[in-house]
Structure formats: structure tokens, C-alpha cells
PDB file of N, CA and C in Angstrom:
ATOM      1  N   MET A   1     107.229  78.028  83.638  1.00  0.00           N
ATOM      2  CA  MET A   1     106.118  78.946  83.409  1.00  0.00           C
ATOM      3  C   MET A   1     106.542  79.923  82.309  1.00  0.00           C
ATOM      4  N   ASP A   2     105.644  80.185  81.385  1.00  0.00           N
ATOM      5  CA  ASP A   2     105.990  81.108  80.300  1.00  0.00           C
ATOM      6  C   ASP A   2     106.007  82.548  80.818  1.00  0.00           C
ATOM      7  N   PRO A   3     106.712  83.441  80.103  1.00  0.00           N
ATOM      8  CA  PRO A   3     106.891  84.821  80.582  1.00  0.00           C
ATOM      9  C   PRO A   3     105.601  85.586  80.855  1.00  0.00           C
ATOM     10  N   GLN A   4     104.562  85.410  80.021  1.00  0.00           N
ATOM     11  CA  GLN A   4     103.336  86.181  80.263  1.00  0.00           C
ATOM     12  C   GLN A   4     102.634  85.727  81.540  1.00  0.00           C
ATOM     13  N   HIS A   5     102.653  84.426  81.828  1.00  0.00           N
ATOM     14  CA  HIS A   5     102.033  83.955  83.070  1.00  0.00           C
ATOM     15  C   HIS A   5     102.882  84.317  84.282  1.00  0.00           C
ATOM     16  N   GLU A   6     104.197  84.328  84.102  1.00  0.00           N
ATOM     17  CA  GLU A   6     105.071  84.753  85.192  1.00  0.00           C
ATOM     18  C   GLU A   6     104.810  86.225  85.537  1.00  0.00           C
ATOM     19  N   LEU A   7     104.671  87.071  84.506  1.00  0.00           N
ATOM     20  CA  LEU A   7     104.360  88.483  84.743  1.00  0.00           C
ATOM     21  C   LEU A   7     102.993  88.628  85.413  1.00  0.00           C
ATOM     22  N   ALA A   8     102.019  87.833  84.989  1.00  0.00           N
ATOM     23  CA  ALA A   8     100.687  87.883  85.607  1.00  0.00           C
ATOM     24  C   ALA A   8     100.780  87.552  87.096  1.00  0.00           C
ATOM     25  N   HIS A   9     101.590  86.556  87.455  1.00  0.00           N
ATOM     26  CA  HIS A   9     101.764  86.197  88.867  1.00  0.00           C
ATOM     27  C   HIS A   9     102.460  87.312  89.642  1.00  0.00           C
ATOM     28  N   ILE A  10     103.433  87.947  89.035  1.00  0.00           N
ATOM     29  CA  ILE A  10     104.119  89.070  89.683  1.00  0.00           C
ATOM     30  C   ILE A  10     103.130  90.199  89.946  1.00  0.00           C
ATOM     31  N   LEU A  11     102.310  90.515  88.945  1.00  0.00           N
ATOM     32  CA  LEU A  11     101.318  91.580  89.098  1.00  0.00           C
ATOM     33  C   LEU A  11     100.336  91.249  90.223  1.00  0.00           C
ATOM     34  N   LEU A  12      99.906  89.990  90.308  1.00  0.00           N
ATOM     35  CA  LEU A  12      98.972  89.599  91.373  1.00  0.00           C
ATOM     36  C   LEU A  12      99.623  89.683  92.752  1.00  0.00           C
ATOM     37  N   ARG A  13     100.891  89.323  92.848  1.00  0.00           N
ATOM     38  CA  ARG A  13     101.586  89.455  94.139  1.00  0.00           C
ATOM     39  C   ARG A  13     101.687  90.924  94.546  1.00  0.00           C
ATOM     40  N   LYS A  14     101.976  91.782  93.577  1.00  0.00           N
ATOM     41  CA  LYS A  14     102.063  93.219  93.874  1.00  0.00           C
ATOM     42  C   LYS A  14     100.681  93.777  94.224  1.00  0.00           C
ATOM     43  N   ALA A  15      99.642  93.297  93.548  1.00  0.00           N
ATOM     44  CA  ALA A  15      98.274  93.724  93.868  1.00  0.00           C
ATOM     45  C   ALA A  15      97.931  93.315  95.304  1.00  0.00           C
ATOM     46  N   SER A  16      98.318  92.117  95.677  1.00  0.00           N
ATOM     47  CA  SER A  16      98.070  91.646  97.052  1.00  0.00           C
ATOM     48  C   SER A  16      98.785  92.523  98.072  1.00  0.00           C
ATOM     49  N   ALA A  17     100.002  92.930  97.760  1.00  0.00           N
ATOM     50  CA  ALA A  17     100.750  93.803  98.669  1.00  0.00           C
ATOM     51  C   ALA A  17     100.053  95.158  98.806  1.00  0.00           C
ATOM     52  N   ASP A  18      99.531  95.682  97.696  1.00  0.00           N
ATOM     53  CA  ASP A  18      98.785  96.947  97.772  1.00  0.00           C
ATOM     54  C   ASP A  18      97.542  96.788  98.639  1.00  0.00           C
ATOM     55  N   LEU A  19      96.890  95.639  98.552  1.00  0.00           N
ATOM     56  CA  LEU A  19      95.705  95.410  99.387  1.00  0.00           C
ATOM     57  C   LEU A  19      96.065  95.339 100.866  1.00  0.00           C
ATOM     58  N   VAL A  20      97.189  94.735 101.173  1.00  0.00           N
ATOM     59  CA  VAL A  20      97.641  94.687 102.563  1.00  0.00           C
ATOM     60  C   VAL A  20      97.813  96.112 103.085  1.00  0.00           C
ATOM     61  N   MET A  21      98.464  96.946 102.280  1.00  0.00           N
ATOM     62  CA  MET A  21      98.681  98.333 102.706  1.00  0.00           C
ATOM     63  C   MET A  21      97.355  99.086 102.843  1.00  0.00           C
ATOM     64  N   ALA A  22      96.438  98.877 101.893  1.00  0.00           N
ATOM     65  CA  ALA A  22      95.134  99.552 101.960  1.00  0.00           C
ATOM     66  C   ALA A  22      94.375  99.126 103.210  1.00  0.00           C
ATOM     67  N   ARG A  23      94.382  97.830 103.500  1.00  0.00           N
ATOM     68  CA  ARG A  23      93.663  97.342 104.680  1.00  0.00           C
ATOM     69  C   ARG A  23      94.273  97.882 105.970  1.00  0.00           C
ATOM     70  N   CYS A  24      95.583  97.984 106.013  1.00  0.00           N
ATOM     71  CA  CYS A  24      96.239  98.570 107.201  1.00  0.00           C
ATOM     72  C   CYS A  24      95.799 100.018 107.380  1.00  0.00           C
ATOM     73  N   LEU A  25      95.785 100.758 106.280  1.00  0.00           N
ATOM     74  CA  LEU A  25      95.371 102.159 106.351  1.00  0.00           C
ATOM     75  C   LEU A  25      93.900 102.290 106.736  1.00  0.00           C
ATOM     76  N   MET A  26      93.059 101.384 106.224  1.00  0.00           N
ATOM     77  CA  MET A  26      91.626 101.432 106.550  1.00  0.00           C
ATOM     78  C   MET A  26      91.391 101.247 108.039  1.00  0.00           C
ATOM     79  N   GLY A  27      92.279 100.509 108.683  1.00  0.00           N
ATOM     80  CA  GLY A  27      92.121 100.246 110.114  1.00  0.00           C
ATOM     81  C   GLY A  27      92.585 101.384 111.002  1.00  0.00           C
ATOM     82  N   ASP A  28      93.138 102.422 110.401  1.00  0.00           N
ATOM     83  CA  ASP A  28      93.638 103.559 111.163  1.00  0.00           C
ATOM     84  C   ASP A  28      92.830 104.797 110.783  1.00  0.00           C
ATOM     85  N   SER A  29      92.033 105.292 111.701  1.00  0.00           N
ATOM     86  CA  SER A  29      91.140 106.422 111.399  1.00  0.00           C
ATOM     87  C   SER A  29      91.888 107.700 111.032  1.00  0.00           C
ATOM     88  N   SER A  30      93.170 107.760 111.324  1.00  0.00           N
ATOM     89  CA  SER A  30      93.931 108.958 110.962  1.00  0.00           C
ATOM     90  C   SER A  30      94.526 108.869 109.551  1.00  0.00           C
ATOM     91  N   SER A  31      94.328 107.731 108.875  1.00  0.00           N
ATOM     92  CA  SER A  31      94.857 107.568 107.517  1.00  0.00           C
ATOM     93  C   SER A  31      94.123 108.478 106.538  1.00  0.00           C
ATOM     94  N   PRO A  32      94.857 109.111 105.636  1.00  0.00           N
ATOM     95  CA  PRO A  32      94.205 109.978 104.645  1.00  0.00           C
ATOM     96  C   PRO A  32      93.452 109.152 103.594  1.00  0.00           C
ATOM     97  N   ASP A  33      92.320 109.673 103.174  1.00  0.00           N
ATOM     98  CA  ASP A  33      91.514 108.997 102.154  1.00  0.00           C
ATOM     99  C   ASP A  33      92.329 108.703 100.901  1.00  0.00           C
ATOM    100  N   TRP A  34      93.142 109.686 100.475  1.00  0.00           N
ATOM    101  CA  TRP A  34      93.873 109.502  99.227  1.00  0.00           C
ATOM    102  C   TRP A  34      94.868 108.354  99.319  1.00  0.00           C
ATOM    103  N   GLY A  35      95.413 108.098 100.501  1.00  0.00           N
ATOM    104  CA  GLY A  35      96.372 107.001 100.657  1.00  0.00           C
ATOM    105  C   GLY A  35      95.695 105.651 100.513  1.00  0.00           C
ATOM    106  N   ILE A  36      94.517 105.531 101.105  1.00  0.00           N
ATOM    107  CA  ILE A  36      93.750 104.293 100.982  1.00  0.00           C
ATOM    108  C   ILE A  36      93.318 104.115  99.535  1.00  0.00           C
ATOM    109  N   GLY A  37      92.769 105.176  98.959  1.00  0.00           N
ATOM    110  CA  GLY A  37      92.320 105.126  97.567  1.00  0.00           C
ATOM    111  C   GLY A  37      93.443 104.770  96.615  1.00  0.00           C
ATOM    112  N   PHE A  38      94.630 105.313  96.853  1.00  0.00           N
ATOM    113  CA  PHE A  38      95.777 105.026  95.990  1.00  0.00           C
ATOM    114  C   PHE A  38      96.093 103.537  95.993  1.00  0.00           C
ATOM    115  N   HIS A  39      96.182 102.933  97.176  1.00  0.00           N
ATOM    116  CA  HIS A  39      96.548 101.517  97.241  1.00  0.00           C
ATOM    117  C   HIS A  39      95.443 100.607  96.699  1.00  0.00           C
ATOM    118  N   VAL A  40      94.181 100.970  96.905  1.00  0.00           N
ATOM    119  CA  VAL A  40      93.092 100.180  96.326  1.00  0.00           C
ATOM    120  C   VAL A  40      93.129 100.303  94.803  1.00  0.00           C
ATOM    121  N   GLN A  41      93.320 101.528  94.299  1.00  0.00           N
ATOM    122  CA  GLN A  41      93.402 101.731  92.849  1.00  0.00           C
ATOM    123  C   GLN A  41      94.548 100.915  92.268  1.00  0.00           C
ATOM    124  N   GLN A  42      95.699 100.964  92.917  1.00  0.00           N
ATOM    125  CA  GLN A  42      96.863 100.227  92.420  1.00  0.00           C
ATOM    126  C   GLN A  42      96.599  98.724  92.414  1.00  0.00           C
ATOM    127  N   ALA A  43      95.951  98.212  93.444  1.00  0.00           N
ATOM    128  CA  ALA A  43      95.641  96.789  93.505  1.00  0.00           C
ATOM    129  C   ALA A  43      94.700  96.378  92.376  1.00  0.00           C
ATOM    130  N   VAL A  44      93.657  97.177  92.150  1.00  0.00           N
ATOM    131  CA  VAL A  44      92.707  96.865  91.084  1.00  0.00           C
ATOM    132  C   VAL A  44      93.388  96.967  89.723  1.00  0.00           C
ATOM    133  N   GLU A  45      94.156  98.028  89.524  1.00  0.00           N
ATOM    134  CA  GLU A  45      94.871  98.199  88.256  1.00  0.00           C
ATOM    135  C   GLU A  45      95.773  96.996  87.972  1.00  0.00           C
ATOM    136  N   LYS A  46      96.550  96.575  88.958  1.00  0.00           N
ATOM    137  CA  LYS A  46      97.471  95.448  88.764  1.00  0.00           C
ATOM    138  C   LYS A  46      96.721  94.142  88.547  1.00  0.00           C
ATOM    139  N   ALA A  47      95.607  93.961  89.246  1.00  0.00           N
ATOM    140  CA  ALA A  47      94.815  92.741  89.056  1.00  0.00           C
ATOM    141  C   ALA A  47      94.227  92.692  87.641  1.00  0.00           C
ATOM    142  N   LEU A  48      93.715  93.819  87.156  1.00  0.00           N
ATOM    143  CA  LEU A  48      93.171  93.855  85.791  1.00  0.00           C
ATOM    144  C   LEU A  48      94.271  93.594  84.765  1.00  0.00           C
ATOM    145  N   LYS A  49      95.431  94.185  84.977  1.00  0.00           N
ATOM    146  CA  LYS A  49      96.560  93.958  84.065  1.00  0.00           C
ATOM    147  C   LYS A  49      97.011  92.506  84.126  1.00  0.00           C
ATOM    148  N   ALA A  50      96.947  91.878  85.287  1.00  0.00           N
ATOM    149  CA  ALA A  50      97.310  90.470  85.410  1.00  0.00           C
ATOM    150  C   ALA A  50      96.372  89.592  84.591  1.00  0.00           C
ATOM    151  N   ILE A  51      95.076  89.900  84.644  1.00  0.00           N
ATOM    152  CA  ILE A  51      94.104  89.129  83.851  1.00  0.00           C
ATOM    153  C   ILE A  51      94.407  89.285  82.365  1.00  0.00           C
ATOM    154  N   LEU A  52      94.626  90.532  81.942  1.00  0.00           N
ATOM    155  CA  LEU A  52      94.948  90.778  80.534  1.00  0.00           C
ATOM    156  C   LEU A  52      96.221  90.033  80.138  1.00  0.00           C
ATOM    157  N   CYS A  53      97.233  90.135  80.954  1.00  0.00           N
ATOM    158  CA  CYS A  53      98.520  89.493  80.683  1.00  0.00           C
ATOM    159  C   CYS A  53      98.365  87.975  80.582  1.00  0.00           C
ATOM    160  N   ALA A  54      97.629  87.386  81.508  1.00  0.00           N
ATOM    161  CA  ALA A  54      97.428  85.933  81.513  1.00  0.00           C
ATOM    162  C   ALA A  54      96.727  85.446  80.249  1.00  0.00           C
ATOM    163  N   HIS A  55      95.944  86.334  79.631  1.00  0.00           N
ATOM    164  CA  HIS A  55      95.248  85.998  78.386  1.00  0.00           C
ATOM    165  C   HIS A  55      96.027  86.441  77.153  1.00  0.00           C
ATOM    166  N   GLY A  56      97.254  86.877  77.354  1.00  0.00           N
ATOM    167  CA  GLY A  56      98.096  87.266  76.230  1.00  0.00           C
ATOM    168  C   GLY A  56      97.723  88.582  75.586  1.00  0.00           C
ATOM    169  N   ILE A  57      97.044  89.440  76.334  1.00  0.00           N
ATOM    170  CA  ILE A  57      96.590  90.724  75.806  1.00  0.00           C
ATOM    171  C   ILE A  57      97.550  91.815  76.266  1.00  0.00           C
ATOM    172  N   GLU A  58      98.149  92.504  75.316  1.00  0.00           N
ATOM    173  CA  GLU A  58      99.041  93.613  75.660  1.00  0.00           C
ATOM    174  C   GLU A  58      98.207  94.809  76.085  1.00  0.00           C
ATOM    175  N   TYR A  59      98.675  95.515  77.083  1.00  0.00           N
ATOM    176  CA  TYR A  59      97.970  96.683  77.601  1.00  0.00           C
ATOM    177  C   TYR A  59      98.931  97.861  77.630  1.00  0.00           C
ATOM    178  N   PRO A  60      98.397  99.076  77.524  1.00  0.00           N
ATOM    179  CA  PRO A  60      99.271 100.250  77.565  1.00  0.00           C
ATOM    180  C   PRO A  60      99.679 100.581  78.998  1.00  0.00           C
ATOM    181  N   ARG A  61     100.682 101.400  79.111  1.00  0.00           N
ATOM    182  CA  ARG A  61     101.087 101.910  80.423  1.00  0.00           C
ATOM    183  C   ARG A  61     100.050 102.963  80.811  1.00  0.00           C
ATOM    184  N   THR A  62      99.181 102.610  81.739  1.00  0.00           N
ATOM    185  CA  THR A  62      98.071 103.489  82.105  1.00  0.00           C
ATOM    186  C   THR A  62      97.607 103.202  83.528  1.00  0.00           C
ATOM    187  N   HIS A  63      96.983 104.209  84.132  1.00  0.00           N
ATOM    188  CA  HIS A  63      96.306 104.035  85.421  1.00  0.00           C
ATOM    189  C   HIS A  63      94.791 104.048  85.212  1.00  0.00           C
ATOM    190  N   ASN A  64      94.352 104.100  83.971  1.00  0.00           N
ATOM    191  CA  ASN A  64      92.947 104.259  83.631  1.00  0.00           C
ATOM    192  C   ASN A  64      92.191 102.928  83.774  1.00  0.00           C
ATOM    193  N   ILE A  65      91.464 102.794  84.860  1.00  0.00           N
ATOM    194  CA  ILE A  65      90.693 101.575  85.138  1.00  0.00           C
ATOM    195  C   ILE A  65      89.648 101.342  84.052  1.00  0.00           C
ATOM    196  N   SER A  66      89.010 102.401  83.590  1.00  0.00           N
ATOM    197  CA  SER A  66      87.985 102.278  82.552  1.00  0.00           C
ATOM    198  C   SER A  66      88.563 101.670  81.273  1.00  0.00           C
ATOM    199  N   LEU A  67      89.725 102.131  80.883  1.00  0.00           N
ATOM    200  CA  LEU A  67      90.384 101.586  79.683  1.00  0.00           C
ATOM    201  C   LEU A  67      90.698 100.106  79.863  1.00  0.00           C
ATOM    202  N   LEU A  68      91.214  99.732  81.011  1.00  0.00           N
ATOM    203  CA  LEU A  68      91.536  98.326  81.260  1.00  0.00           C
ATOM    204  C   LEU A  68      90.267  97.470  81.271  1.00  0.00           C
ATOM    205  N   LEU A  69      89.189  97.993  81.833  1.00  0.00           N
ATOM    206  CA  LEU A  69      87.917  97.263  81.822  1.00  0.00           C
ATOM    207  C   LEU A  69      87.386  97.117  80.397  1.00  0.00           C
ATOM    208  N   ASP A  70      87.557  98.155  79.578  1.00  0.00           N
ATOM    209  CA  ASP A  70      87.155  98.072  78.167  1.00  0.00           C
ATOM    210  C   ASP A  70      87.931  96.962  77.456  1.00  0.00           C
ATOM    211  N   MET A  71      89.215  96.888  77.753  1.00  0.00           N
ATOM    212  CA  MET A  71      90.044  95.855  77.130  1.00  0.00           C
ATOM    213  C   MET A  71      89.594  94.462  77.551  1.00  0.00           C
ATOM    214  N   LEU A  72      89.201  94.300  78.815  1.00  0.00           N
ATOM    215  CA  LEU A  72      88.666  93.014  79.269  1.00  0.00           C
ATOM    216  C   LEU A  72      87.368  92.685  78.535  1.00  0.00           C
ATOM    217  N   ALA A  73      86.495  93.675  78.447  1.00  0.00           N
ATOM    218  CA  ALA A  73      85.192  93.461  77.810  1.00  0.00           C
ATOM    219  C   ALA A  73      85.341  93.062  76.343  1.00  0.00           C
ATOM    220  N   GLU A  74      86.326  93.639  75.664  1.00  0.00           N
ATOM    221  CA  GLU A  74      86.560  93.284  74.259  1.00  0.00           C
ATOM    222  C   GLU A  74      86.889  91.805  74.095  1.00  0.00           C
ATOM    223  N   GLN A  75      87.384  91.181  75.153  1.00  0.00           N
ATOM    224  CA  GLN A  75      87.737  89.760  75.124  1.00  0.00           C
ATOM    225  C   GLN A  75      86.698  88.898  75.858  1.00  0.00           C
ATOM    226  N   ASN A  76      85.534  89.494  76.154  1.00  0.00           N
ATOM    227  CA  ASN A  76      84.470  88.816  76.895  1.00  0.00           C
ATOM    228  C   ASN A  76      84.918  88.354  78.286  1.00  0.00           C
ATOM    229  N   LEU A  77      85.800  89.136  78.895  1.00  0.00           N
ATOM    230  CA  LEU A  77      86.247  88.885  80.259  1.00  0.00           C
ATOM    231  C   LEU A  77      85.588  89.927  81.163  1.00  0.00           C
ATOM    232  N   VAL A  78      85.198  89.524  82.358  1.00  0.00           N
ATOM    233  CA  VAL A  78      84.455  90.416  83.245  1.00  0.00           C
ATOM    234  C   VAL A  78      85.137  90.490  84.610  1.00  0.00           C
ATOM    235  N   ALA A  79      85.262  91.698  85.129  1.00  0.00           N
ATOM    236  CA  ALA A  79      85.785  91.886  86.487  1.00  0.00           C
ATOM    237  C   ALA A  79      84.692  91.522  87.490  1.00  0.00           C
ATOM    238  N   PRO A  80      85.073  91.002  88.664  1.00  0.00           N
ATOM    239  CA  PRO A  80      84.072  90.598  89.655  1.00  0.00           C
ATOM    240  C   PRO A  80      83.409  91.754  90.399  1.00  0.00           C
ATOM    241  N   VAL A  81      83.886  92.974  90.192  1.00  0.00           N
ATOM    242  CA  VAL A  81      83.269  94.158  90.798  1.00  0.00           C
ATOM    243  C   VAL A  81      82.722  95.003  89.656  1.00  0.00           C
ATOM    244  N   ALA A  82      81.544  95.571  89.835  1.00  0.00           N
ATOM    245  CA  ALA A  82      80.881  96.333  88.772  1.00  0.00           C
ATOM    246  C   ALA A  82      81.733  97.502  88.277  1.00  0.00           C
ATOM    247  N   ARG A  83      81.737  97.682  86.979  1.00  0.00           N
ATOM    248  CA  ARG A  83      82.483  98.759  86.325  1.00  0.00           C
ATOM    249  C   ARG A  83      82.158 100.117  86.942  1.00  0.00           C
ATOM    250  N   ALA A  84      80.887 100.369  87.171  1.00  0.00           N
ATOM    251  CA  ALA A  84      80.453 101.666  87.695  1.00  0.00           C
ATOM    252  C   ALA A  84      81.112 101.974  89.034  1.00  0.00           C
ATOM    253  N   GLN A  85      81.481 100.956  89.769  1.00  0.00           N
ATOM    254  CA  GLN A  85      82.131 101.165  91.052  1.00  0.00           C
ATOM    255  C   GLN A  85      83.646 101.312  90.909  1.00  0.00           C
ATOM    256  N   LEU A  86      84.224 100.599  89.965  1.00  0.00           N
ATOM    257  CA  LEU A  86      85.680 100.612  89.817  1.00  0.00           C
ATOM    258  C   LEU A  86      86.231 101.858  89.140  1.00  0.00           C
ATOM    259  N   ILE A  87      85.462 102.451  88.235  1.00  0.00           N
ATOM    260  CA  ILE A  87      86.005 103.589  87.473  1.00  0.00           C
ATOM    261  C   ILE A  87      86.316 104.790  88.357  1.00  0.00           C
ATOM    262  N   TYR A  88      85.701 104.874  89.525  1.00  0.00           N
ATOM    263  CA  TYR A  88      85.975 105.993  90.429  1.00  0.00           C
ATOM    264  C   TYR A  88      87.349 105.890  91.086  1.00  0.00           C
ATOM    265  N   LEU A  89      88.008 104.765  90.910  1.00  0.00           N
ATOM    266  CA  LEU A  89      89.336 104.595  91.487  1.00  0.00           C
ATOM    267  C   LEU A  89      90.430 105.255  90.647  1.00  0.00           C
ATOM    268  N   THR A  90      90.206 105.435  89.354  1.00  0.00           N
ATOM    269  CA  THR A  90      91.245 105.946  88.450  1.00  0.00           C
ATOM    270  C   THR A  90      91.955 107.197  88.967  1.00  0.00           C
ATOM    271  N   PRO A  91      91.244 108.217  89.408  1.00  0.00           N
ATOM    272  CA  PRO A  91      91.956 109.432  89.857  1.00  0.00           C
ATOM    273  C   PRO A  91      92.933 109.191  91.003  1.00  0.00           C
ATOM    274  N   PHE A  92      92.693 108.173  91.817  1.00  0.00           N
ATOM    275  CA  PHE A  92      93.602 107.887  92.920  1.00  0.00           C
ATOM    276  C   PHE A  92      94.953 107.381  92.425  1.00  0.00           C
ATOM    277  N   GLY A  93      94.995 106.869  91.215  1.00  0.00           N
ATOM    278  CA  GLY A  93      96.234 106.355  90.671  1.00  0.00           C
ATOM    279  C   GLY A  93      97.144 107.426  90.119  1.00  0.00           C
ATOM    280  N   CYS A  94      96.596 108.602  89.888  1.00  0.00           N
ATOM    281  CA  CYS A  94      97.435 109.617  89.248  1.00  0.00           C
ATOM    282  C   CYS A  94      97.262 111.024  89.801  1.00  0.00           C
ATOM    283  N   CYS A  95      96.182 111.293  90.497  1.00  0.00           N
ATOM    284  CA  CYS A  95      95.908 112.688  90.860  1.00  0.00           C
ATOM    285  C   CYS A  95      95.794 112.944  92.350  1.00  0.00           C
ATOM    286  N   TYR A  96      95.039 112.129  93.069  1.00  0.00           N
ATOM    287  CA  TYR A  96      94.661 112.479  94.433  1.00  0.00           C
ATOM    288  C   TYR A  96      95.764 112.333  95.450  1.00  0.00           C
ATOM    289  N   GLY A  97      96.877 111.726  95.089  1.00  0.00           N
ATOM    290  CA  GLY A  97      98.009 111.694  96.000  1.00  0.00           C
ATOM    291  C   GLY A  97      98.599 113.084  96.189  1.00  0.00           C
ATOM    292  N   MET A  98      98.264 113.995  95.286  1.00  0.00           N
ATOM    293  CA  MET A  98      98.803 115.350  95.338  1.00  0.00           C
ATOM    294  C   MET A  98      97.845 116.331  96.008  1.00  0.00           C
ATOM    295  N   THR A  99      96.628 115.873  96.315  1.00  0.00           N
ATOM    296  CA  THR A  99      95.628 116.768  96.882  1.00  0.00           C
ATOM    297  C   THR A  99      95.237 116.305  98.282  1.00  0.00           C
ATOM    298  N   LYS A 100      94.365 117.067  98.908  1.00  0.00           N
ATOM    299  CA  LYS A 100      93.979 116.765 100.282  1.00  0.00           C
ATOM    300  C   LYS A 100      92.988 115.619 100.396  1.00  0.00           C
ATOM    301  N   SER A 101      92.144 115.412  99.387  1.00  0.00           N
ATOM    302  CA  SER A 101      91.142 114.360  99.494  1.00  0.00           C
ATOM    303  C   SER A 101      90.787 113.822  98.120  1.00  0.00           C
ATOM    304  N   GLY A 102      90.023 112.758  98.140  1.00  0.00           N
ATOM    305  CA  GLY A 102      89.593 112.133  96.894  1.00  0.00           C
ATOM    306  C   GLY A 102      88.331 112.761  96.369  1.00  0.00           C
ATOM    307  N   PRO A 103      87.746 112.135  95.357  1.00  0.00           N
ATOM    308  CA  PRO A 103      86.541 112.686  94.760  1.00  0.00           C
ATOM    309  C   PRO A 103      85.369 112.663  95.741  1.00  0.00           C
ATOM    310  N   ALA A 104      84.470 113.615  95.587  1.00  0.00           N
ATOM    311  CA  ALA A 104      83.309 113.695  96.475  1.00  0.00           C
ATOM    312  C   ALA A 104      82.442 112.451  96.356  1.00  0.00           C
ATOM    313  N   ILE A 105      82.519 111.768  95.221  1.00  0.00           N
ATOM    314  CA  ILE A 105      81.685 110.601  94.977  1.00  0.00           C
ATOM    315  C   ILE A 105      82.262 109.328  95.599  1.00  0.00           C
ATOM    316  N   TRP A 106      83.423 109.442  96.215  1.00  0.00           N
ATOM    317  CA  TRP A 106      84.088 108.277  96.800  1.00  0.00           C
ATOM    318  C   TRP A 106      83.176 107.564  97.768  1.00  0.00           C
ATOM    319  N   ASN A 107      83.141 106.276  97.693  1.00  0.00           N
ATOM    320  CA  ASN A 107      82.240 105.456  98.471  1.00  0.00           C
ATOM    321  C   ASN A 107      83.054 104.381  99.191  1.00  0.00           C
ATOM    322  N   TRP A 108      83.045 104.376 100.520  1.00  0.00           N
ATOM    323  CA  TRP A 108      83.869 103.430 101.258  1.00  0.00           C
ATOM    324  C   TRP A 108      83.445 101.997 101.063  1.00  0.00           C
ATOM    325  N   SER A 109      82.170 101.743 100.822  1.00  0.00           N
ATOM    326  CA  SER A 109      81.759 100.347 100.583  1.00  0.00           C
ATOM    327  C   SER A 109      82.353  99.865  99.268  1.00  0.00           C
ATOM    328  N   THR A 110      82.471 100.751  98.279  1.00  0.00           N
ATOM    329  CA  THR A 110      83.123 100.385  97.015  1.00  0.00           C
ATOM    330  C   THR A 110      84.579 100.068  97.267  1.00  0.00           C
ATOM    331  N   CYS A 111      85.233 100.884  98.054  1.00  0.00           N
ATOM    332  CA  CYS A 111      86.632 100.663  98.389  1.00  0.00           C
ATOM    333  C   CYS A 111      86.807  99.303  99.049  1.00  0.00           C
ATOM    334  N   ARG A 112      85.957  98.991 100.004  1.00  0.00           N
ATOM    335  CA  ARG A 112      86.070  97.718 100.717  1.00  0.00           C
ATOM    336  C   ARG A 112      85.782  96.535  99.787  1.00  0.00           C
ATOM    337  N   ARG A 113      84.775  96.670  98.896  1.00  0.00           N
ATOM    338  CA  ARG A 113      84.495  95.584  97.944  1.00  0.00           C
ATOM    339  C   ARG A 113      85.688  95.378  97.013  1.00  0.00           C
ATOM    340  N   ALA A 114      86.257  96.479  96.518  1.00  0.00           N
ATOM    341  CA  ALA A 114      87.411  96.367  95.634  1.00  0.00           C
ATOM    342  C   ALA A 114      88.599  95.770  96.381  1.00  0.00           C
ATOM    343  N   ALA A 115      88.788  96.168  97.630  1.00  0.00           N
ATOM    344  CA  ALA A 115      89.907  95.656  98.423  1.00  0.00           C
ATOM    345  C   ALA A 115      89.730  94.170  98.736  1.00  0.00           C
ATOM    346  N   ASN A 116      88.499  93.710  98.794  1.00  0.00           N
ATOM    347  CA  ASN A 116      88.242  92.306  99.087  1.00  0.00           C
ATOM    348  C   ASN A 116      88.091  91.443  97.843  1.00  0.00           C
ATOM    349  N   TRP A 117      88.191  92.056  96.677  1.00  0.00           N
ATOM    350  CA  TRP A 117      88.101  91.341  95.414  1.00  0.00           C
ATOM    351  C   TRP A 117      89.255  90.412  95.345  1.00  0.00           C
TER     352      TRP A 117
END
């Protein structure tokens, strides 16, 4: 397997591990929103980077879901979850782990759709 596809597989395995953690947290009502959001954001970020990597597209070191989606769109690649739903995950990758809760606009059905992607 060539290095870019090997990296894509590594990213997908790590994304799967983040989803396992997110699903475990979702099943526990005492889990903090930011913890669930963080793992869902990380899973989506890694999955998007895996797609880019598999197509030979270099991406910057970023947690910005919107930027990664823009990069996919430039190559006529589409994520299976709507952009409008995924962009709300970005703050969980860099900010909300330090605060008490996530954004007021956070939507659990979006989280579950992203986690099941």
C-alpha cells in the first residue's frame, strides 16, 4: 500500500476509535456535552482528512471542519453529512474542552448523524 493510502487508513481507524468513545459517552447521561462534541469533531475531522489524503490532497494542520469541507468541494468530493450540520463541530476541536458547555446551537441529532457517518 502506498504511503498516502496507508495514512488514510490510519486516520480512518483513529476516527473509528473517536466514534467509539463518543458513543460510549452518549450512553452516559452524566457525560459532559463538550466531551461528546470533542470526540465527534475529532472523528469527522479525521474522516475528512482521510478522504483528502486518499485523493492525494495535502491539507493543513487544522481543526477547521469548514476549511476541510471547502477542500473537498474544490475536488468535487462531498461529505455524506450536510455542511451546515458539520461546521458546528469545529469549536469542539479547539475550544469547548476548556469551557463548561458547547455552543447554544448544538444539536444532538446532528451529533448522532455525524457519529453514525
